[in-house]
Amino acid sequence: QVQLVESGGGLVQAGGSLRLSCAASGSTFRINDMAWYRQAPMKQRELVASISRGGSTNYADSVKGRFTISRDNAKNTVYLQMNSLKPEDTAVYSCNAYALDWSMAERQYWGQGTQVTVSS
């Protein structure tokens, strides 16, 4: 079982920056892919960025060039550096991870989410 806890959200003005962190804890064999999703009111949850255990990254077109995902495997933590924030980035940002349990079954885990609000 893996628990994901996000931090770093808050209120920021347009053009500002925030760095989100997501720390994974609990019993697991290995954490594989990790990602950040976001969901704005009345909108579907969307994938913002993902990162493999080896560090390969993917980004939504809407955040490409502004956001950077990274991870520290030793700390089981994934980060999302968000620069040049826009009001459209306002959403609840949730951490996602796929982890192998001790039977080698891969399970998906979600954090509770952290609110990011960008004012114009």
N, C-alpha and C. Protein backbone atom coordinates (compact mmCIF):
# COMPACT_ATOMS: atom_id res chain seq x y z
N GLN A 1 0.84 -1.18 0.00
CA GLN A 1 0.00 0.00 0.00
C GLN A 1 0.88 1.25 0.00
N VAL A 2 0.52 2.19 -0.86
CA VAL A 2 1.27 3.42 -1.01
C VAL A 2 0.36 4.60 -0.71
N GLN A 3 0.88 5.54 0.03
CA GLN A 3 0.19 6.79 0.28
C GLN A 3 0.94 7.91 -0.41
N LEU A 4 0.19 8.78 -1.07
CA LEU A 4 0.77 9.91 -1.77
C LEU A 4 0.24 11.19 -1.13
N VAL A 5 1.14 12.07 -0.76
CA VAL A 5 0.76 13.31 -0.12
C VAL A 5 1.36 14.47 -0.89
N GLU A 6 0.49 15.32 -1.42
CA GLU A 6 0.93 16.48 -2.17
C GLU A 6 1.09 17.69 -1.26
N SER A 7 1.96 18.58 -1.68
CA SER A 7 2.13 19.84 -0.99
C SER A 7 2.62 20.89 -1.98
N GLY A 8 2.54 22.13 -1.59
CA GLY A 8 3.08 23.21 -2.39
C GLY A 8 2.06 24.04 -3.14
N GLY A 9 0.82 23.64 -3.10
CA GLY A 9 -0.20 24.43 -3.77
C GLY A 9 -0.47 25.73 -3.04
N GLY A 10 -1.20 26.59 -3.69
CA GLY A 10 -1.52 27.86 -3.07
C GLY A 10 -2.06 28.84 -4.08
N LEU A 11 -2.09 30.08 -3.66
CA LEU A 11 -2.57 31.18 -4.49
C LEU A 11 -1.39 31.96 -5.03
N VAL A 12 -1.40 32.19 -6.31
CA VAL A 12 -0.31 32.91 -6.95
C VAL A 12 -0.89 33.78 -8.06
N GLN A 13 -0.24 34.89 -8.32
CA GLN A 13 -0.66 35.75 -9.40
C GLN A 13 -0.20 35.21 -10.74
N ALA A 14 -0.92 35.57 -11.78
CA ALA A 14 -0.53 35.17 -13.12
C ALA A 14 0.91 35.58 -13.39
N GLY A 15 1.65 34.68 -13.99
CA GLY A 15 3.05 34.91 -14.26
C GLY A 15 3.97 34.39 -13.17
N GLY A 16 3.40 34.02 -12.06
CA GLY A 16 4.19 33.53 -10.95
C GLY A 16 4.52 32.06 -11.06
N SER A 17 5.14 31.55 -10.02
CA SER A 17 5.60 30.16 -10.01
C SER A 17 5.21 29.46 -8.72
N LEU A 18 5.05 28.17 -8.82
CA LEU A 18 4.85 27.30 -7.68
C LEU A 18 5.58 26.00 -7.95
N ARG A 19 5.99 25.35 -6.88
CA ARG A 19 6.54 24.01 -7.01
C ARG A 19 5.74 23.06 -6.14
N LEU A 20 5.16 22.07 -6.78
CA LEU A 20 4.41 21.05 -6.09
C LEU A 20 5.31 19.86 -5.78
N SER A 21 5.06 19.25 -4.65
CA SER A 21 5.78 18.05 -4.27
C SER A 21 4.78 16.96 -3.94
N CYS A 22 5.16 15.74 -4.21
CA CYS A 22 4.35 14.59 -3.86
C CYS A 22 5.26 13.52 -3.31
N ALA A 23 5.08 13.21 -2.06
CA ALA A 23 5.90 12.22 -1.39
C ALA A 23 5.12 10.92 -1.24
N ALA A 24 5.74 9.84 -1.67
CA ALA A 24 5.13 8.53 -1.55
C ALA A 24 5.70 7.80 -0.34
N SER A 25 4.84 7.14 0.38
CA SER A 25 5.27 6.36 1.53
C SER A 25 4.45 5.09 1.60
N GLY A 26 4.88 4.20 2.47
CA GLY A 26 4.18 2.95 2.64
C GLY A 26 4.98 1.78 2.10
N SER A 27 4.37 0.64 2.17
CA SER A 27 5.03 -0.59 1.77
C SER A 27 4.77 -0.87 0.29
N THR A 28 5.84 -0.94 -0.46
CA THR A 28 5.76 -1.28 -1.87
C THR A 28 7.12 -1.77 -2.32
N PHE A 29 7.11 -2.55 -3.38
CA PHE A 29 8.38 -3.03 -3.90
C PHE A 29 9.12 -1.94 -4.66
N ARG A 30 8.39 -1.27 -5.54
CA ARG A 30 9.01 -0.23 -6.33
C ARG A 30 7.94 0.67 -6.94
N ILE A 31 8.22 1.95 -6.94
CA ILE A 31 7.35 2.89 -7.60
C ILE A 31 7.83 3.10 -9.03
N ASN A 32 6.94 2.91 -9.96
CA ASN A 32 7.30 3.06 -11.37
C ASN A 32 6.93 4.46 -11.85
N ASP A 33 6.03 4.55 -12.82
CA ASP A 33 5.69 5.86 -13.37
C ASP A 33 4.98 6.72 -12.34
N MET A 34 5.25 8.01 -12.39
CA MET A 34 4.55 8.98 -11.57
C MET A 34 4.06 10.10 -12.46
N ALA A 35 3.03 10.76 -12.03
CA ALA A 35 2.44 11.79 -12.87
C ALA A 35 1.70 12.81 -12.03
N TRP A 36 1.45 13.95 -12.65
CA TRP A 36 0.59 14.97 -12.09
C TRP A 36 -0.63 15.12 -13.00
N TYR A 37 -1.78 15.10 -12.39
CA TYR A 37 -3.03 15.39 -13.06
C TYR A 37 -3.63 16.65 -12.46
N ARG A 38 -4.56 17.23 -13.18
CA ARG A 38 -5.29 18.36 -12.62
C ARG A 38 -6.74 18.30 -13.06
N GLN A 39 -7.57 18.87 -12.23
CA GLN A 39 -8.98 18.94 -12.54
C GLN A 39 -9.53 20.28 -12.10
N ALA A 40 -10.01 21.02 -13.06
CA ALA A 40 -10.65 22.30 -12.80
C ALA A 40 -12.15 22.08 -12.67
N PRO A 41 -12.85 23.00 -12.01
CA PRO A 41 -14.30 22.85 -11.88
C PRO A 41 -14.97 22.70 -13.24
N MET A 42 -15.88 21.77 -13.32
CA MET A 42 -16.67 21.52 -14.52
C MET A 42 -15.85 20.97 -15.68
N LYS A 43 -14.65 20.53 -15.40
CA LYS A 43 -13.82 19.98 -16.45
C LYS A 43 -13.33 18.59 -16.08
N GLN A 44 -12.95 17.86 -17.09
CA GLN A 44 -12.41 16.53 -16.88
C GLN A 44 -11.00 16.59 -16.30
N ARG A 45 -10.66 15.57 -15.57
CA ARG A 45 -9.30 15.45 -15.11
C ARG A 45 -8.38 15.25 -16.31
N GLU A 46 -7.28 15.95 -16.32
CA GLU A 46 -6.35 15.83 -17.42
C GLU A 46 -4.94 15.54 -16.92
N LEU A 47 -4.21 14.83 -17.72
CA LEU A 47 -2.82 14.55 -17.42
C LEU A 47 -1.99 15.79 -17.73
N VAL A 48 -1.25 16.25 -16.75
CA VAL A 48 -0.40 17.42 -16.91
C VAL A 48 1.00 17.01 -17.34
N ALA A 49 1.57 16.08 -16.62
CA ALA A 49 2.93 15.64 -16.90
C ALA A 49 3.15 14.28 -16.27
N SER A 50 4.00 13.50 -16.87
CA SER A 50 4.34 12.20 -16.33
C SER A 50 5.83 11.98 -16.43
N ILE A 51 6.31 11.09 -15.60
CA ILE A 51 7.74 10.79 -15.60
C ILE A 51 7.93 9.32 -15.24
N SER A 52 8.75 8.65 -16.01
CA SER A 52 9.05 7.26 -15.73
C SER A 52 10.09 7.18 -14.62
N ARG A 53 10.30 5.97 -14.12
CA ARG A 53 11.30 5.79 -13.10
C ARG A 53 12.68 6.20 -13.60
N GLY A 54 12.91 5.98 -14.88
CA GLY A 54 14.19 6.35 -15.47
C GLY A 54 14.31 7.81 -15.84
N GLY A 55 13.24 8.57 -15.71
CA GLY A 55 13.31 10.00 -15.94
C GLY A 55 12.75 10.49 -17.26
N SER A 56 12.17 9.63 -18.06
CA SER A 56 11.55 10.08 -19.30
C SER A 56 10.27 10.84 -18.98
N THR A 57 10.08 11.97 -19.63
CA THR A 57 8.96 12.84 -19.30
C THR A 57 8.04 13.07 -20.49
N ASN A 58 6.80 13.37 -20.17
CA ASN A 58 5.80 13.78 -21.14
C ASN A 58 4.98 14.90 -20.53
N TYR A 59 4.54 15.82 -21.39
CA TYR A 59 3.78 16.97 -20.93
C TYR A 59 2.56 17.20 -21.80
N ALA A 60 1.53 17.70 -21.17
CA ALA A 60 0.41 18.19 -21.93
C ALA A 60 0.85 19.40 -22.74
N ASP A 61 0.28 19.55 -23.93
CA ASP A 61 0.66 20.68 -24.76
C ASP A 61 0.43 22.02 -24.06
N SER A 62 -0.57 22.09 -23.23
CA SER A 62 -0.93 23.34 -22.59
C SER A 62 0.11 23.81 -21.57
N VAL A 63 0.96 22.91 -21.11
CA VAL A 63 1.95 23.28 -20.10
C VAL A 63 3.37 23.15 -20.60
N LYS A 64 3.54 22.64 -21.78
CA LYS A 64 4.87 22.42 -22.32
C LYS A 64 5.64 23.74 -22.38
N GLY A 65 6.85 23.70 -21.89
CA GLY A 65 7.67 24.89 -21.86
C GLY A 65 7.52 25.72 -20.60
N ARG A 66 6.48 25.46 -19.83
CA ARG A 66 6.24 26.20 -18.60
C ARG A 66 6.41 25.34 -17.35
N PHE A 67 6.03 24.08 -17.45
CA PHE A 67 6.09 23.18 -16.31
C PHE A 67 7.22 22.18 -16.50
N THR A 68 7.80 21.75 -15.40
CA THR A 68 8.83 20.73 -15.43
C THR A 68 8.55 19.69 -14.35
N ILE A 69 8.46 18.45 -14.74
CA ILE A 69 8.29 17.37 -13.79
C ILE A 69 9.64 16.72 -13.53
N SER A 70 9.88 16.35 -12.30
CA SER A 70 11.11 15.68 -11.93
C SER A 70 10.82 14.74 -10.77
N ARG A 71 11.77 13.90 -10.46
CA ARG A 71 11.58 12.98 -9.35
C ARG A 71 12.90 12.66 -8.69
N ASP A 72 12.79 12.27 -7.46
CA ASP A 72 13.92 11.82 -6.68
C ASP A 72 13.56 10.43 -6.18
N ASN A 73 14.10 9.43 -6.82
CA ASN A 73 13.74 8.06 -6.48
C ASN A 73 14.16 7.67 -5.07
N ALA A 74 15.26 8.23 -4.61
CA ALA A 74 15.72 7.93 -3.27
C ALA A 74 14.73 8.43 -2.22
N LYS A 75 14.03 9.50 -2.54
CA LYS A 75 13.04 10.07 -1.63
C LYS A 75 11.62 9.68 -1.98
N ASN A 76 11.46 8.92 -3.06
CA ASN A 76 10.13 8.56 -3.55
C ASN A 76 9.23 9.79 -3.68
N THR A 77 9.78 10.80 -4.28
CA THR A 77 9.09 12.07 -4.40
C THR A 77 9.12 12.55 -5.85
N VAL A 78 8.00 13.08 -6.28
CA VAL A 78 7.89 13.68 -7.59
C VAL A 78 7.54 15.15 -7.42
N TYR A 79 8.07 15.98 -8.30
CA TYR A 79 7.89 17.41 -8.21
C TYR A 79 7.28 17.94 -9.50
N LEU A 80 6.62 19.05 -9.38
CA LEU A 80 6.14 19.76 -10.55
C LEU A 80 6.46 21.23 -10.37
N GLN A 81 7.44 21.70 -11.11
CA GLN A 81 7.79 23.11 -11.11
C GLN A 81 6.91 23.81 -12.13
N MET A 82 6.15 24.76 -11.69
CA MET A 82 5.20 25.46 -12.55
C MET A 82 5.61 26.92 -12.64
N ASN A 83 5.97 27.33 -13.83
CA ASN A 83 6.37 28.70 -14.09
C ASN A 83 5.38 29.35 -15.04
N SER A 84 5.43 30.67 -15.09
CA SER A 84 4.56 31.43 -15.99
C SER A 84 3.12 30.98 -15.87
N LEU A 85 2.65 30.89 -14.66
CA LEU A 85 1.31 30.38 -14.41
C LEU A 85 0.25 31.30 -14.99
N LYS A 86 -0.79 30.67 -15.47
CA LYS A 86 -1.92 31.36 -16.07
C LYS A 86 -3.18 31.04 -15.28
N PRO A 87 -4.18 31.91 -15.34
CA PRO A 87 -5.44 31.59 -14.66
C PRO A 87 -6.03 30.25 -15.10
N GLU A 88 -5.80 29.87 -16.33
CA GLU A 88 -6.29 28.59 -16.83
C GLU A 88 -5.64 27.39 -16.14
N ASP A 89 -4.56 27.62 -15.43
CA ASP A 89 -3.90 26.55 -14.69
C ASP A 89 -4.57 26.27 -13.35
N THR A 90 -5.52 27.10 -12.98
CA THR A 90 -6.22 26.91 -11.71
C THR A 90 -6.93 25.56 -11.70
N ALA A 91 -6.63 24.76 -10.71
CA ALA A 91 -7.20 23.42 -10.62
C ALA A 91 -6.71 22.76 -9.34
N VAL A 92 -7.30 21.63 -9.05
CA VAL A 92 -6.75 20.75 -8.04
C VAL A 92 -5.76 19.83 -8.72
N TYR A 93 -4.55 19.85 -8.25
CA TYR A 93 -3.49 19.04 -8.82
C TYR A 93 -3.29 17.80 -7.96
N SER A 94 -3.33 16.65 -8.60
CA SER A 94 -3.22 15.38 -7.90
C SER A 94 -2.04 14.59 -8.40
N CYS A 95 -1.39 13.96 -7.47
CA CYS A 95 -0.26 13.10 -7.76
C CYS A 95 -0.77 11.69 -8.04
N ASN A 96 -0.16 11.05 -9.00
CA ASN A 96 -0.52 9.69 -9.37
C ASN A 96 0.75 8.86 -9.47
N ALA A 97 0.65 7.62 -9.06
CA ALA A 97 1.81 6.74 -9.16
C ALA A 97 1.36 5.31 -9.41
N TYR A 98 2.16 4.61 -10.17
CA TYR A 98 2.01 3.18 -10.33
C TYR A 98 3.12 2.51 -9.55
N ALA A 99 2.74 1.56 -8.74
CA ALA A 99 3.71 0.90 -7.89
C ALA A 99 3.54 -0.61 -7.95
N LEU A 100 4.65 -1.30 -7.92
CA LEU A 100 4.65 -2.75 -7.82
C LEU A 100 4.57 -3.15 -6.36
N ASP A 101 3.59 -3.99 -6.05
CA ASP A 101 3.56 -4.52 -4.70
C ASP A 101 4.46 -5.74 -4.63
N TRP A 102 4.47 -6.37 -3.49
CA TRP A 102 5.40 -7.47 -3.29
C TRP A 102 5.05 -8.72 -4.06
N SER A 103 3.86 -8.79 -4.61
CA SER A 103 3.50 -9.89 -5.50
C SER A 103 3.71 -9.51 -6.96
N MET A 104 4.31 -8.37 -7.19
CA MET A 104 4.63 -7.85 -8.52
C MET A 104 3.39 -7.41 -9.29
N ALA A 105 2.32 -7.18 -8.58
CA ALA A 105 1.14 -6.58 -9.20
C ALA A 105 1.30 -5.07 -9.20
N GLU A 106 1.01 -4.46 -10.32
CA GLU A 106 1.12 -3.01 -10.42
C GLU A 106 -0.23 -2.38 -10.08
N ARG A 107 -0.20 -1.47 -9.12
CA ARG A 107 -1.40 -0.79 -8.68
C ARG A 107 -1.25 0.71 -8.85
N GLN A 108 -2.35 1.35 -9.06
CA GLN A 108 -2.37 2.79 -9.24
C GLN A 108 -2.82 3.47 -7.95
N TYR A 109 -2.13 4.54 -7.59
CA TYR A 109 -2.44 5.28 -6.38
C TYR A 109 -2.63 6.75 -6.70
N TRP A 110 -3.46 7.38 -5.90
CA TRP A 110 -3.75 8.81 -6.06
C TRP A 110 -3.58 9.53 -4.74
N GLY A 111 -3.05 10.73 -4.82
CA GLY A 111 -3.05 11.61 -3.67
C GLY A 111 -4.37 12.34 -3.56
N GLN A 112 -4.56 13.05 -2.48
CA GLN A 112 -5.80 13.78 -2.25
C GLN A 112 -5.90 15.05 -3.08
N GLY A 113 -4.78 15.56 -3.51
CA GLY A 113 -4.77 16.75 -4.33
C GLY A 113 -4.42 18.00 -3.55
N THR A 114 -3.89 18.96 -4.27
CA THR A 114 -3.57 20.26 -3.69
C THR A 114 -4.08 21.34 -4.62
N GLN A 115 -4.69 22.36 -4.04
CA GLN A 115 -5.32 23.41 -4.83
C GLN A 115 -4.28 24.41 -5.31
N VAL A 116 -4.33 24.70 -6.59
CA VAL A 116 -3.54 25.76 -7.19
C VAL A 116 -4.49 26.78 -7.77
N THR A 117 -4.39 28.00 -7.31
CA THR A 117 -5.24 29.07 -7.79
C THR A 117 -4.37 30.18 -8.35
N VAL A 118 -4.60 30.53 -9.59
CA VAL A 118 -3.84 31.58 -10.26
C VAL A 118 -4.77 32.74 -10.53
N SER A 119 -4.48 33.86 -9.95
CA SER A 119 -5.30 35.04 -10.12
C SER A 119 -4.80 35.87 -11.29
N SER A 120 -5.72 36.56 -11.94
CA SER A 120 -5.37 37.39 -13.08
C SER A 120 -5.01 38.80 -12.64
